[in-house]
Amino acid sequence: MSQLTKRIRLYGADCNQSALVLEAIKQTKVDMTVWLGNYVIPTDNSPYIRQRDLIKSVLQTYGTDHISGITVGNEFMLNYLNSNGGTVPDSDVGNAGAAILIADIQDTRNMLKDLSLGKALPVGTSDAGSYFNTQVLGAIDYGMANVHPWFANVSVADGAGWTADFFQTTDVDAANALSNKPQMYIAETGWPTKSSDAGNANNGPSTASEANLQIFLDTFVCQANANGTGYFFFDFFDEPWKDIQFGGVEGWWGLFTSNRTLKNIKIPDCPSP
């Protein structure tokens, strides 16, 4: 993975995942940095508090040398809108969800301030590319946007260009229009290699296949590395639990299979930022 990008993001802090990743970096001495995650549930704040305290403990144990930020929430606004009959992030429904998320973001900042760390850690959030609420953008240091050409029914040949254009116009431009100008990253992008059912074997113009993952790698990675686009490639390895729960292509986005065997692909050979 470090041949693609030196950035890793976590989606939550349960199951000791923050410490496990940082310990792996420590033992392997790989040059990577991680954005820790806190998965927020709008109807129950106890998971947020539990994960906040786990993150606090990890920071006290490992310090901040390999940590680049704390991400509060993953697709929080998308899920909140879907659960409350909304579709527009900048709406009354969206703003109600934003208030919940912003309170947790500020609480995380307060936790970091109390720790008196050697360096200031930025605090941000991650969401679907078109679901950033303006109030949330104004309250974060960085944002991570999921940008998937597959789900936009874009061909693999056009996937890399579409990803760059969508990210710039939908996310980067919106962030730069605000006074705080949060740093924006592509939280997820990639290409699935198969589907569990024939109905989802293609997105219209292109199929889910290892050959098409190779095309996306070849057309996206080196260009993004060269122009300084911050991205997190999706995904490191296939996730069988997603296939069981969701079916279709959901479990098959890995560069590696679930047993950590590299698929029939070649990692692009270009400098990773």
C-alpha atoms as a PDB file:
ATOM      1  CA  MET A   1       0.000   0.000   0.000  1.00  0.00           C
ATOM      2  CA  SER A   2       2.852   2.398   0.736  1.00  0.00           C
ATOM      3  CA  GLN A   3       3.808   2.216  -2.957  1.00  0.00           C
ATOM      4  CA  LEU A   4       0.492   3.953  -3.717  1.00  0.00           C
ATOM      5  CA  THR A   5       0.256   6.333  -0.802  1.00  0.00           C
ATOM      6  CA  LYS A   6       1.822   6.819   2.607  1.00  0.00           C
ATOM      7  CA  ARG A   7      -1.605   7.742   4.020  1.00  0.00           C
ATOM      8  CA  ILE A   8      -3.871   5.365   5.990  1.00  0.00           C
ATOM      9  CA  ARG A   9      -7.283   6.221   7.395  1.00  0.00           C
ATOM     10  CA  LEU A  10      -9.269   4.376  10.029  1.00  0.00           C
ATOM     11  CA  TYR A  11     -13.061   4.499  10.213  1.00  0.00           C
ATOM     12  CA  GLY A  12     -13.408   3.924  13.953  1.00  0.00           C
ATOM     13  CA  ALA A  13     -11.461   3.157  17.119  1.00  0.00           C
ATOM     14  CA  ASP A  14     -13.136   0.025  18.497  1.00  0.00           C
ATOM     15  CA  CYS A  15     -11.425  -3.381  18.622  1.00  0.00           C
ATOM     16  CA  ASN A  16      -8.065  -1.757  19.444  1.00  0.00           C
ATOM     17  CA  GLN A  17      -7.516  -0.926  15.781  1.00  0.00           C
ATOM     18  CA  SER A  18      -5.710   2.390  16.385  1.00  0.00           C
ATOM     19  CA  ALA A  19      -3.080   0.766  18.594  1.00  0.00           C
ATOM     20  CA  LEU A  20      -2.714  -2.229  16.258  1.00  0.00           C
ATOM     21  CA  VAL A  21      -2.015  -0.014  13.225  1.00  0.00           C
ATOM     22  CA  LEU A  22       0.435   2.204  15.116  1.00  0.00           C
ATOM     23  CA  GLU A  23       2.207  -0.821  16.562  1.00  0.00           C
ATOM     24  CA  ALA A  24       2.504  -2.285  13.040  1.00  0.00           C
ATOM     25  CA  ILE A  25       4.046   0.961  11.792  1.00  0.00           C
ATOM     26  CA  LYS A  26       6.429   0.951  14.764  1.00  0.00           C
ATOM     27  CA  GLN A  27       7.544  -2.648  14.226  1.00  0.00           C
ATOM     28  CA  THR A  28       7.845  -2.561  10.431  1.00  0.00           C
ATOM     29  CA  LYS A  29       9.286   0.977  10.370  1.00  0.00           C
ATOM     30  CA  VAL A  30       7.256   1.649   7.213  1.00  0.00           C
ATOM     31  CA  ASP A  31       7.021   5.332   6.281  1.00  0.00           C
ATOM     32  CA  MET A  32       3.277   5.804   6.729  1.00  0.00           C
ATOM     33  CA  THR A  33       1.007   8.145   8.647  1.00  0.00           C
ATOM     34  CA  VAL A  34      -2.505   7.418   9.903  1.00  0.00           C
ATOM     35  CA  TRP A  35      -5.652   9.470  10.394  1.00  0.00           C
ATOM     36  CA  LEU A  36      -7.414   7.934  13.386  1.00  0.00           C
ATOM     37  CA  GLY A  37     -11.208   7.595  13.210  1.00  0.00           C
ATOM     38  CA  ASN A  38     -14.214   7.885  15.512  1.00  0.00           C
ATOM     39  CA  TYR A  39     -17.409   6.393  14.041  1.00  0.00           C
ATOM     40  CA  VAL A  40     -20.277   8.599  15.249  1.00  0.00           C
ATOM     41  CA  ILE A  41     -23.893   7.406  15.615  1.00  0.00           C
ATOM     42  CA  PRO A  42     -26.421  10.280  15.726  1.00  0.00           C
ATOM     43  CA  THR A  43     -28.924   8.509  17.993  1.00  0.00           C
ATOM     44  CA  ASP A  44     -26.436   7.327  20.621  1.00  0.00           C
ATOM     45  CA  ASN A  45     -23.405   9.328  21.740  1.00  0.00           C
ATOM     46  CA  SER A  46     -21.908   6.567  23.894  1.00  0.00           C
ATOM     47  CA  PRO A  47     -19.957   4.981  20.993  1.00  0.00           C
ATOM     48  CA  TYR A  48     -18.402   8.390  20.279  1.00  0.00           C
ATOM     49  CA  ILE A  49     -17.350   8.798  23.929  1.00  0.00           C
ATOM     50  CA  ARG A  50     -15.957   5.259  24.091  1.00  0.00           C
ATOM     51  CA  GLN A  51     -13.884   5.759  20.942  1.00  0.00           C
ATOM     52  CA  ARG A  52     -12.747   9.231  22.002  1.00  0.00           C
ATOM     53  CA  ASP A  53     -11.300   7.750  25.179  1.00  0.00           C
ATOM     54  CA  LEU A  54      -9.627   4.925  23.223  1.00  0.00           C
ATOM     55  CA  ILE A  55      -8.030   7.498  20.919  1.00  0.00           C
ATOM     56  CA  LYS A  56      -6.884   9.505  23.936  1.00  0.00           C
ATOM     57  CA  SER A  57      -5.192   6.423  25.392  1.00  0.00           C
ATOM     58  CA  VAL A  58      -3.464   5.648  22.086  1.00  0.00           C
ATOM     59  CA  LEU A  59      -2.136   9.197  21.823  1.00  0.00           C
ATOM     60  CA  GLN A  60      -0.740   8.924  25.330  1.00  0.00           C
ATOM     61  CA  THR A  61       0.953   5.616  24.459  1.00  0.00           C
ATOM     62  CA  TYR A  62       2.286   6.246  20.945  1.00  0.00           C
ATOM     63  CA  GLY A  63       2.488  10.011  20.670  1.00  0.00           C
ATOM     64  CA  THR A  64       1.783  11.802  17.407  1.00  0.00           C
ATOM     65  CA  ASP A  65       4.784  11.010  15.173  1.00  0.00           C
ATOM     66  CA  HIS A  66       2.734   8.803  12.818  1.00  0.00           C
ATOM     67  CA  ILE A  67      -0.663  10.456  13.289  1.00  0.00           C
ATOM     68  CA  SER A  68      -1.883  13.196  10.945  1.00  0.00           C
ATOM     69  CA  GLY A  69      -5.407  13.835  12.213  1.00  0.00           C
ATOM     70  CA  ILE A  70      -8.530  12.659  13.998  1.00  0.00           C
ATOM     71  CA  THR A  71     -11.549  12.004  11.766  1.00  0.00           C
ATOM     72  CA  VAL A  72     -14.867  12.395  13.599  1.00  0.00           C
ATOM     73  CA  GLY A  73     -17.666  10.679  11.679  1.00  0.00           C
ATOM     74  CA  ASN A  74     -17.820   8.642   8.488  1.00  0.00           C
ATOM     75  CA  GLU A  75     -20.671   9.407   6.066  1.00  0.00           C
ATOM     76  CA  PHE A  76     -22.470  10.925   9.049  1.00  0.00           C
ATOM     77  CA  MET A  77     -24.369  13.515   7.005  1.00  0.00           C
ATOM     78  CA  LEU A  78     -25.325  10.994   4.312  1.00  0.00           C
ATOM     79  CA  ASN A  79     -26.684   8.582   6.909  1.00  0.00           C
ATOM     80  CA  TYR A  80     -28.392  11.304   8.946  1.00  0.00           C
ATOM     81  CA  LEU A  81     -30.205  12.675   5.905  1.00  0.00           C
ATOM     82  CA  ASN A  82     -31.255   9.215   4.756  1.00  0.00           C
ATOM     83  CA  SER A  83     -32.602   8.401   8.228  1.00  0.00           C
ATOM     84  CA  ASN A  84     -34.518  11.673   8.594  1.00  0.00           C
ATOM     85  CA  GLY A  85     -36.116  12.072   5.191  1.00  0.00           C
ATOM     86  CA  GLY A  86     -33.622  14.607   3.879  1.00  0.00           C
ATOM     87  CA  THR A  87     -31.610  14.809   0.698  1.00  0.00           C
ATOM     88  CA  VAL A  88     -29.893  18.232   0.831  1.00  0.00           C
ATOM     89  CA  PRO A  89     -26.975  18.764   3.252  1.00  0.00           C
ATOM     90  CA  ASP A  90     -27.600  22.516   3.519  1.00  0.00           C
ATOM     91  CA  SER A  91     -31.197  22.263   4.721  1.00  0.00           C
ATOM     92  CA  ASP A  92     -32.998  22.354   8.059  1.00  0.00           C
ATOM     93  CA  VAL A  93     -32.627  18.574   8.340  1.00  0.00           C
ATOM     94  CA  GLY A  94     -28.996  18.718   7.312  1.00  0.00           C
ATOM     95  CA  ASN A  95     -28.218  21.530   9.734  1.00  0.00           C
ATOM     96  CA  ALA A  96     -29.780  19.541  12.578  1.00  0.00           C
ATOM     97  CA  GLY A  97     -27.409  16.677  11.818  1.00  0.00           C
ATOM     98  CA  ALA A  98     -24.516  19.087  11.444  1.00  0.00           C
ATOM     99  CA  ALA A  99     -25.096  20.414  14.974  1.00  0.00           C
ATOM    100  CA  ILE A 100     -24.668  16.891  16.403  1.00  0.00           C
ATOM    101  CA  LEU A 101     -21.504  16.263  14.438  1.00  0.00           C
ATOM    102  CA  ILE A 102     -19.964  19.677  15.163  1.00  0.00           C
ATOM    103  CA  ALA A 103     -20.479  19.168  18.909  1.00  0.00           C
ATOM    104  CA  ASP A 104     -18.430  15.955  18.730  1.00  0.00           C
ATOM    105  CA  ILE A 105     -15.773  17.636  16.603  1.00  0.00           C
ATOM    106  CA  GLN A 106     -15.394  20.387  19.193  1.00  0.00           C
ATOM    107  CA  ASP A 107     -15.329  17.846  22.015  1.00  0.00           C
ATOM    108  CA  THR A 108     -12.465  16.052  20.254  1.00  0.00           C
ATOM    109  CA  ARG A 109     -10.563  19.322  19.995  1.00  0.00           C
ATOM    110  CA  ASN A 110     -11.055  19.875  23.709  1.00  0.00           C
ATOM    111  CA  MET A 111      -9.733  16.380  24.425  1.00  0.00           C
ATOM    112  CA  LEU A 112      -6.620  17.082  22.354  1.00  0.00           C
ATOM    113  CA  LYS A 113      -6.100  20.418  24.078  1.00  0.00           C
ATOM    114  CA  ASP A 114      -6.226  18.747  27.486  1.00  0.00           C
ATOM    115  CA  LEU A 115      -3.493  16.327  26.418  1.00  0.00           C
ATOM    116  CA  SER A 116      -0.983  19.109  25.650  1.00  0.00           C
ATOM    117  CA  LEU A 117       0.500  17.172  22.733  1.00  0.00           C
ATOM    118  CA  GLY A 118       3.794  18.118  21.189  1.00  0.00           C
ATOM    119  CA  LYS A 119       2.080  19.040  17.915  1.00  0.00           C
ATOM    120  CA  ALA A 120      -1.413  20.224  17.129  1.00  0.00           C
ATOM    121  CA  LEU A 121      -3.468  17.490  15.463  1.00  0.00           C
ATOM    122  CA  PRO A 122      -6.088  18.592  12.923  1.00  0.00           C
ATOM    123  CA  VAL A 123      -9.661  17.394  13.401  1.00  0.00           C
ATOM    124  CA  GLY A 124     -11.933  16.656  10.456  1.00  0.00           C
ATOM    125  CA  THR A 125     -14.693  14.450   9.121  1.00  0.00           C
ATOM    126  CA  SER A 126     -15.346  12.130   6.194  1.00  0.00           C
ATOM    127  CA  ASP A 127     -18.463  11.907   4.040  1.00  0.00           C
ATOM    128  CA  ALA A 128     -19.834  11.071   0.635  1.00  0.00           C
ATOM    129  CA  GLY A 129     -18.431  13.520  -1.878  1.00  0.00           C
ATOM    130  CA  SER A 130     -21.634  15.487  -2.421  1.00  0.00           C
ATOM    131  CA  TYR A 131     -22.869  15.440   1.195  1.00  0.00           C
ATOM    132  CA  PHE A 132     -20.711  18.026   2.939  1.00  0.00           C
ATOM    133  CA  ASN A 133     -22.763  20.506   4.946  1.00  0.00           C
ATOM    134  CA  THR A 134     -21.400  24.073   4.818  1.00  0.00           C
ATOM    135  CA  GLN A 135     -21.581  24.480   8.601  1.00  0.00           C
ATOM    136  CA  VAL A 136     -19.575  21.285   9.018  1.00  0.00           C
ATOM    137  CA  LEU A 137     -16.991  22.446   6.476  1.00  0.00           C
ATOM    138  CA  GLY A 138     -16.660  25.665   8.444  1.00  0.00           C
ATOM    139  CA  ALA A 139     -15.937  23.737  11.653  1.00  0.00           C
ATOM    140  CA  ILE A 140     -13.214  21.328  10.484  1.00  0.00           C
ATOM    141  CA  ASP A 141      -9.516  21.432   9.675  1.00  0.00           C
ATOM    142  CA  TYR A 142      -9.871  18.870   6.914  1.00  0.00           C
ATOM    143  CA  GLY A 143     -12.507  16.913   5.026  1.00  0.00           C
ATOM    144  CA  MET A 144     -12.360  13.503   3.369  1.00  0.00           C
ATOM    145  CA  ALA A 145     -14.685  12.889   0.425  1.00  0.00           C
ATOM    146  CA  ASN A 146     -15.644   9.483  -0.996  1.00  0.00           C
ATOM    147  CA  VAL A 147     -15.379   9.771  -4.797  1.00  0.00           C
ATOM    148  CA  HIS A 148     -16.220   6.567  -6.685  1.00  0.00           C
ATOM    149  CA  PRO A 149     -16.562   6.563 -10.488  1.00  0.00           C
ATOM    150  CA  TRP A 150     -18.083   3.066 -10.246  1.00  0.00           C
ATOM    151  CA  PHE A 151     -21.138   4.307  -8.353  1.00  0.00           C
ATOM    152  CA  ALA A 152     -21.463   7.288 -10.690  1.00  0.00           C
ATOM    153  CA  ASN A 153     -21.768   4.855 -13.635  1.00  0.00           C
ATOM    154  CA  VAL A 154     -18.601   6.232 -15.216  1.00  0.00           C
ATOM    155  CA  SER A 155     -16.496   4.017 -17.485  1.00  0.00           C
ATOM    156  CA  VAL A 156     -13.144   2.875 -16.191  1.00  0.00           C
ATOM    157  CA  ALA A 157     -11.469   4.659 -19.102  1.00  0.00           C
ATOM    158  CA  ASP A 158     -12.924   7.964 -17.870  1.00  0.00           C
ATOM    159  CA  GLY A 159     -12.780   7.095 -14.167  1.00  0.00           C
ATOM    160  CA  ALA A 160      -9.575   8.863 -13.164  1.00  0.00           C
ATOM    161  CA  GLY A 161     -10.450  12.088 -14.975  1.00  0.00           C
ATOM    162  CA  TRP A 162     -13.985  12.083 -13.598  1.00  0.00           C
ATOM    163  CA  THR A 163     -12.678  11.505 -10.059  1.00  0.00           C
ATOM    164  CA  ALA A 164     -10.303  14.460 -10.287  1.00  0.00           C
ATOM    165  CA  ASP A 165     -12.941  16.786 -11.778  1.00  0.00           C
ATOM    166  CA  PHE A 166     -15.684  15.806  -9.317  1.00  0.00           C
ATOM    167  CA  PHE A 167     -13.390  16.188  -6.329  1.00  0.00           C
ATOM    168  CA  GLN A 168     -12.186  19.613  -7.443  1.00  0.00           C
ATOM    169  CA  THR A 169     -15.561  21.130  -8.312  1.00  0.00           C
ATOM    170  CA  THR A 170     -17.698  19.507  -5.602  1.00  0.00           C
ATOM    171  CA  ASP A 171     -15.344  19.394  -2.623  1.00  0.00           C
ATOM    172  CA  VAL A 172     -12.169  21.450  -3.047  1.00  0.00           C
ATOM    173  CA  ASP A 173     -13.896  24.508  -4.502  1.00  0.00           C
ATOM    174  CA  ALA A 174     -16.563  24.439  -1.769  1.00  0.00           C
ATOM    175  CA  ALA A 175     -13.888  24.247   0.935  1.00  0.00           C
ATOM    176  CA  ASN A 176     -11.787  27.017  -0.591  1.00  0.00           C
ATOM    177  CA  ALA A 177     -14.810  29.329  -0.639  1.00  0.00           C
ATOM    178  CA  LEU A 178     -14.857  29.341   3.187  1.00  0.00           C
ATOM    179  CA  SER A 179     -12.629  31.455   5.422  1.00  0.00           C
ATOM    180  CA  ASN A 180     -11.093  28.422   7.193  1.00  0.00           C
ATOM    181  CA  LYS A 181     -10.309  26.654   3.895  1.00  0.00           C
ATOM    182  CA  PRO A 182     -10.203  23.082   5.240  1.00  0.00           C
ATOM    183  CA  GLN A 183      -7.746  20.744   3.529  1.00  0.00           C
ATOM    184  CA  MET A 184      -9.651  18.269   1.379  1.00  0.00           C
ATOM    185  CA  TYR A 185      -8.710  14.662   0.662  1.00  0.00           C
ATOM    186  CA  ILE A 186     -10.256  11.889  -1.402  1.00  0.00           C
ATOM    187  CA  ALA A 187     -11.303   9.492   1.370  1.00  0.00           C
ATOM    188  CA  GLU A 188     -12.060   6.560  -0.924  1.00  0.00           C
ATOM    189  CA  THR A 189     -11.509   5.849  -4.581  1.00  0.00           C
ATOM    190  CA  GLY A 190     -10.806   2.646  -6.451  1.00  0.00           C
ATOM    191  CA  TRP A 191     -12.422  -0.019  -8.611  1.00  0.00           C
ATOM    192  CA  PRO A 192     -14.114  -3.340  -7.668  1.00  0.00           C
ATOM    193  CA  THR A 193     -12.779  -6.585  -9.077  1.00  0.00           C
ATOM    194  CA  LYS A 194     -15.923  -8.728  -9.071  1.00  0.00           C
ATOM    195  CA  SER A 195     -19.550  -8.939  -8.017  1.00  0.00           C
ATOM    196  CA  SER A 196     -21.388 -11.600  -6.046  1.00  0.00           C
ATOM    197  CA  ASP A 197     -24.314 -11.431  -8.458  1.00  0.00           C
ATOM    198  CA  ALA A 198     -24.641 -10.928 -12.184  1.00  0.00           C
ATOM    199  CA  GLY A 199     -26.903  -7.914 -11.803  1.00  0.00           C
ATOM    200  CA  ASN A 200     -24.067  -5.863 -10.316  1.00  0.00           C
ATOM    201  CA  ALA A 201     -21.238  -7.206 -12.455  1.00  0.00           C
ATOM    202  CA  ASN A 202     -21.019  -3.885 -14.306  1.00  0.00           C
ATOM    203  CA  ASN A 203     -21.942  -0.267 -13.683  1.00  0.00           C
ATOM    204  CA  GLY A 204     -23.239   0.185 -17.220  1.00  0.00           C
ATOM    205  CA  PRO A 205     -20.163   1.026 -19.273  1.00  0.00           C
ATOM    206  CA  SER A 206     -17.559  -1.102 -17.449  1.00  0.00           C
ATOM    207  CA  THR A 207     -17.278  -4.367 -15.533  1.00  0.00           C
ATOM    208  CA  ALA A 208     -15.943  -5.156 -12.085  1.00  0.00           C
ATOM    209  CA  SER A 209     -12.671  -6.937 -12.837  1.00  0.00           C
ATOM    210  CA  GLU A 210      -8.995  -7.062 -11.974  1.00  0.00           C
ATOM    211  CA  ALA A 211      -8.150  -5.835 -15.472  1.00  0.00           C
ATOM    212  CA  ASN A 212     -10.232  -2.717 -14.906  1.00  0.00           C
ATOM    213  CA  LEU A 213      -8.727  -2.173 -11.456  1.00  0.00           C
ATOM    214  CA  GLN A 214      -5.378  -2.151 -13.236  1.00  0.00           C
ATOM    215  CA  ILE A 215      -6.628   0.483 -15.675  1.00  0.00           C
ATOM    216  CA  PHE A 216      -7.814   2.681 -12.822  1.00  0.00           C
ATOM    217  CA  LEU A 217      -4.515   2.261 -10.989  1.00  0.00           C
ATOM    218  CA  ASP A 218      -2.543   3.118 -14.115  1.00  0.00           C
ATOM    219  CA  THR A 219      -4.576   6.226 -14.903  1.00  0.00           C
ATOM    220  CA  PHE A 220      -5.164   7.596 -11.398  1.00  0.00           C
ATOM    221  CA  VAL A 221      -2.285   6.866  -9.010  1.00  0.00           C
ATOM    222  CA  CYS A 222       0.787   8.427 -10.631  1.00  0.00           C
ATOM    223  CA  GLN A 223      -1.159  11.449 -11.839  1.00  0.00           C
ATOM    224  CA  ALA A 224      -2.600  12.057  -8.365  1.00  0.00           C
ATOM    225  CA  ASN A 225       0.813  11.572  -6.750  1.00  0.00           C
ATOM    226  CA  ALA A 226       2.388  14.015  -9.195  1.00  0.00           C
ATOM    227  CA  ASN A 227      -0.187  16.786  -8.759  1.00  0.00           C
ATOM    228  CA  GLY A 228      -0.333  16.503  -4.975  1.00  0.00           C
ATOM    229  CA  THR A 229      -3.872  15.192  -4.615  1.00  0.00           C
ATOM    230  CA  GLY A 230      -4.320  13.742  -1.138  1.00  0.00           C
ATOM    231  CA  TYR A 231      -6.133  10.421  -1.446  1.00  0.00           C
ATOM    232  CA  PHE A 232      -6.726   7.139   0.368  1.00  0.00           C
ATOM    233  CA  PHE A 233      -6.944   4.207  -2.027  1.00  0.00           C
ATOM    234  CA  PHE A 234      -9.930   1.921  -1.470  1.00  0.00           C
ATOM    235  CA  ASP A 235      -9.227  -0.753  -0.493  1.00  0.00           C
ATOM    236  CA  PHE A 236      -6.251  -2.606   0.982  1.00  0.00           C
ATOM    237  CA  PHE A 237      -7.919  -6.050   0.912  1.00  0.00           C
ATOM    238  CA  ASP A 238     -11.310  -7.621   0.183  1.00  0.00           C
ATOM    239  CA  GLU A 239     -13.780  -7.669   3.073  1.00  0.00           C
ATOM    240  CA  PRO A 240     -15.981 -10.785   3.199  1.00  0.00           C
ATOM    241  CA  TRP A 241     -18.278  -9.315   5.868  1.00  0.00           C
ATOM    242  CA  LYS A 242     -19.353  -6.603   3.428  1.00  0.00           C
ATOM    243  CA  ASP A 243     -20.165  -9.226   0.828  1.00  0.00           C
ATOM    244  CA  ILE A 244     -22.281 -11.132   3.353  1.00  0.00           C
ATOM    245  CA  GLN A 245     -24.114  -8.013   4.500  1.00  0.00           C
ATOM    246  CA  PHE A 246     -24.486  -6.078   1.255  1.00  0.00           C
ATOM    247  CA  GLY A 247     -23.632  -8.367  -1.683  1.00  0.00           C
ATOM    248  CA  GLY A 248     -22.875  -7.008  -5.138  1.00  0.00           C
ATOM    249  CA  VAL A 249     -19.427  -5.431  -5.392  1.00  0.00           C
ATOM    250  CA  GLU A 250     -19.245  -4.272  -1.774  1.00  0.00           C
ATOM    251  CA  GLY A 251     -16.786  -6.916  -0.594  1.00  0.00           C
ATOM    252  CA  TRP A 252     -14.439  -6.845  -3.573  1.00  0.00           C
ATOM    253  CA  TRP A 253     -12.502  -3.567  -3.663  1.00  0.00           C
ATOM    254  CA  GLY A 254      -9.162  -4.813  -2.373  1.00  0.00           C
ATOM    255  CA  LEU A 255      -5.765  -4.660  -3.979  1.00  0.00           C
ATOM    256  CA  PHE A 256      -5.261  -7.898  -2.069  1.00  0.00           C
ATOM    257  CA  THR A 257      -7.666 -10.772  -1.528  1.00  0.00           C
ATOM    258  CA  SER A 258      -9.021 -11.321   1.977  1.00  0.00           C
ATOM    259  CA  ASN A 259      -6.127 -13.714   2.680  1.00  0.00           C
ATOM    260  CA  ARG A 260      -3.679 -10.883   1.826  1.00  0.00           C
ATOM    261  CA  THR A 261      -2.604 -12.237  -1.573  1.00  0.00           C
ATOM    262  CA  LEU A 262      -1.954  -9.571  -4.182  1.00  0.00           C
ATOM    263  CA  LYS A 263      -4.470  -9.785  -7.014  1.00  0.00           C
ATOM    264  CA  ASN A 264      -3.383 -10.115 -10.641  1.00  0.00           C
ATOM    265  CA  ILE A 265      -2.323  -6.462 -10.772  1.00  0.00           C
ATOM    266  CA  LYS A 266       0.876  -4.459 -10.834  1.00  0.00           C
ATOM    267  CA  ILE A 267       1.291  -1.585  -8.380  1.00  0.00           C
ATOM    268  CA  PRO A 268       2.246   1.586 -10.306  1.00  0.00           C
ATOM    269  CA  ASP A 269       5.910   2.516  -9.907  1.00  0.00           C
ATOM    270  CA  CYS A 270       5.879   6.226  -9.119  1.00  0.00           C
ATOM    271  CA  PRO A 271       6.851   8.340  -6.097  1.00  0.00           C
ATOM    272  CA  SER A 272       4.273   8.223  -3.315  1.00  0.00           C
ATOM    273  CA  PRO A 273       3.791  11.502  -1.425  1.00  0.00           C
END
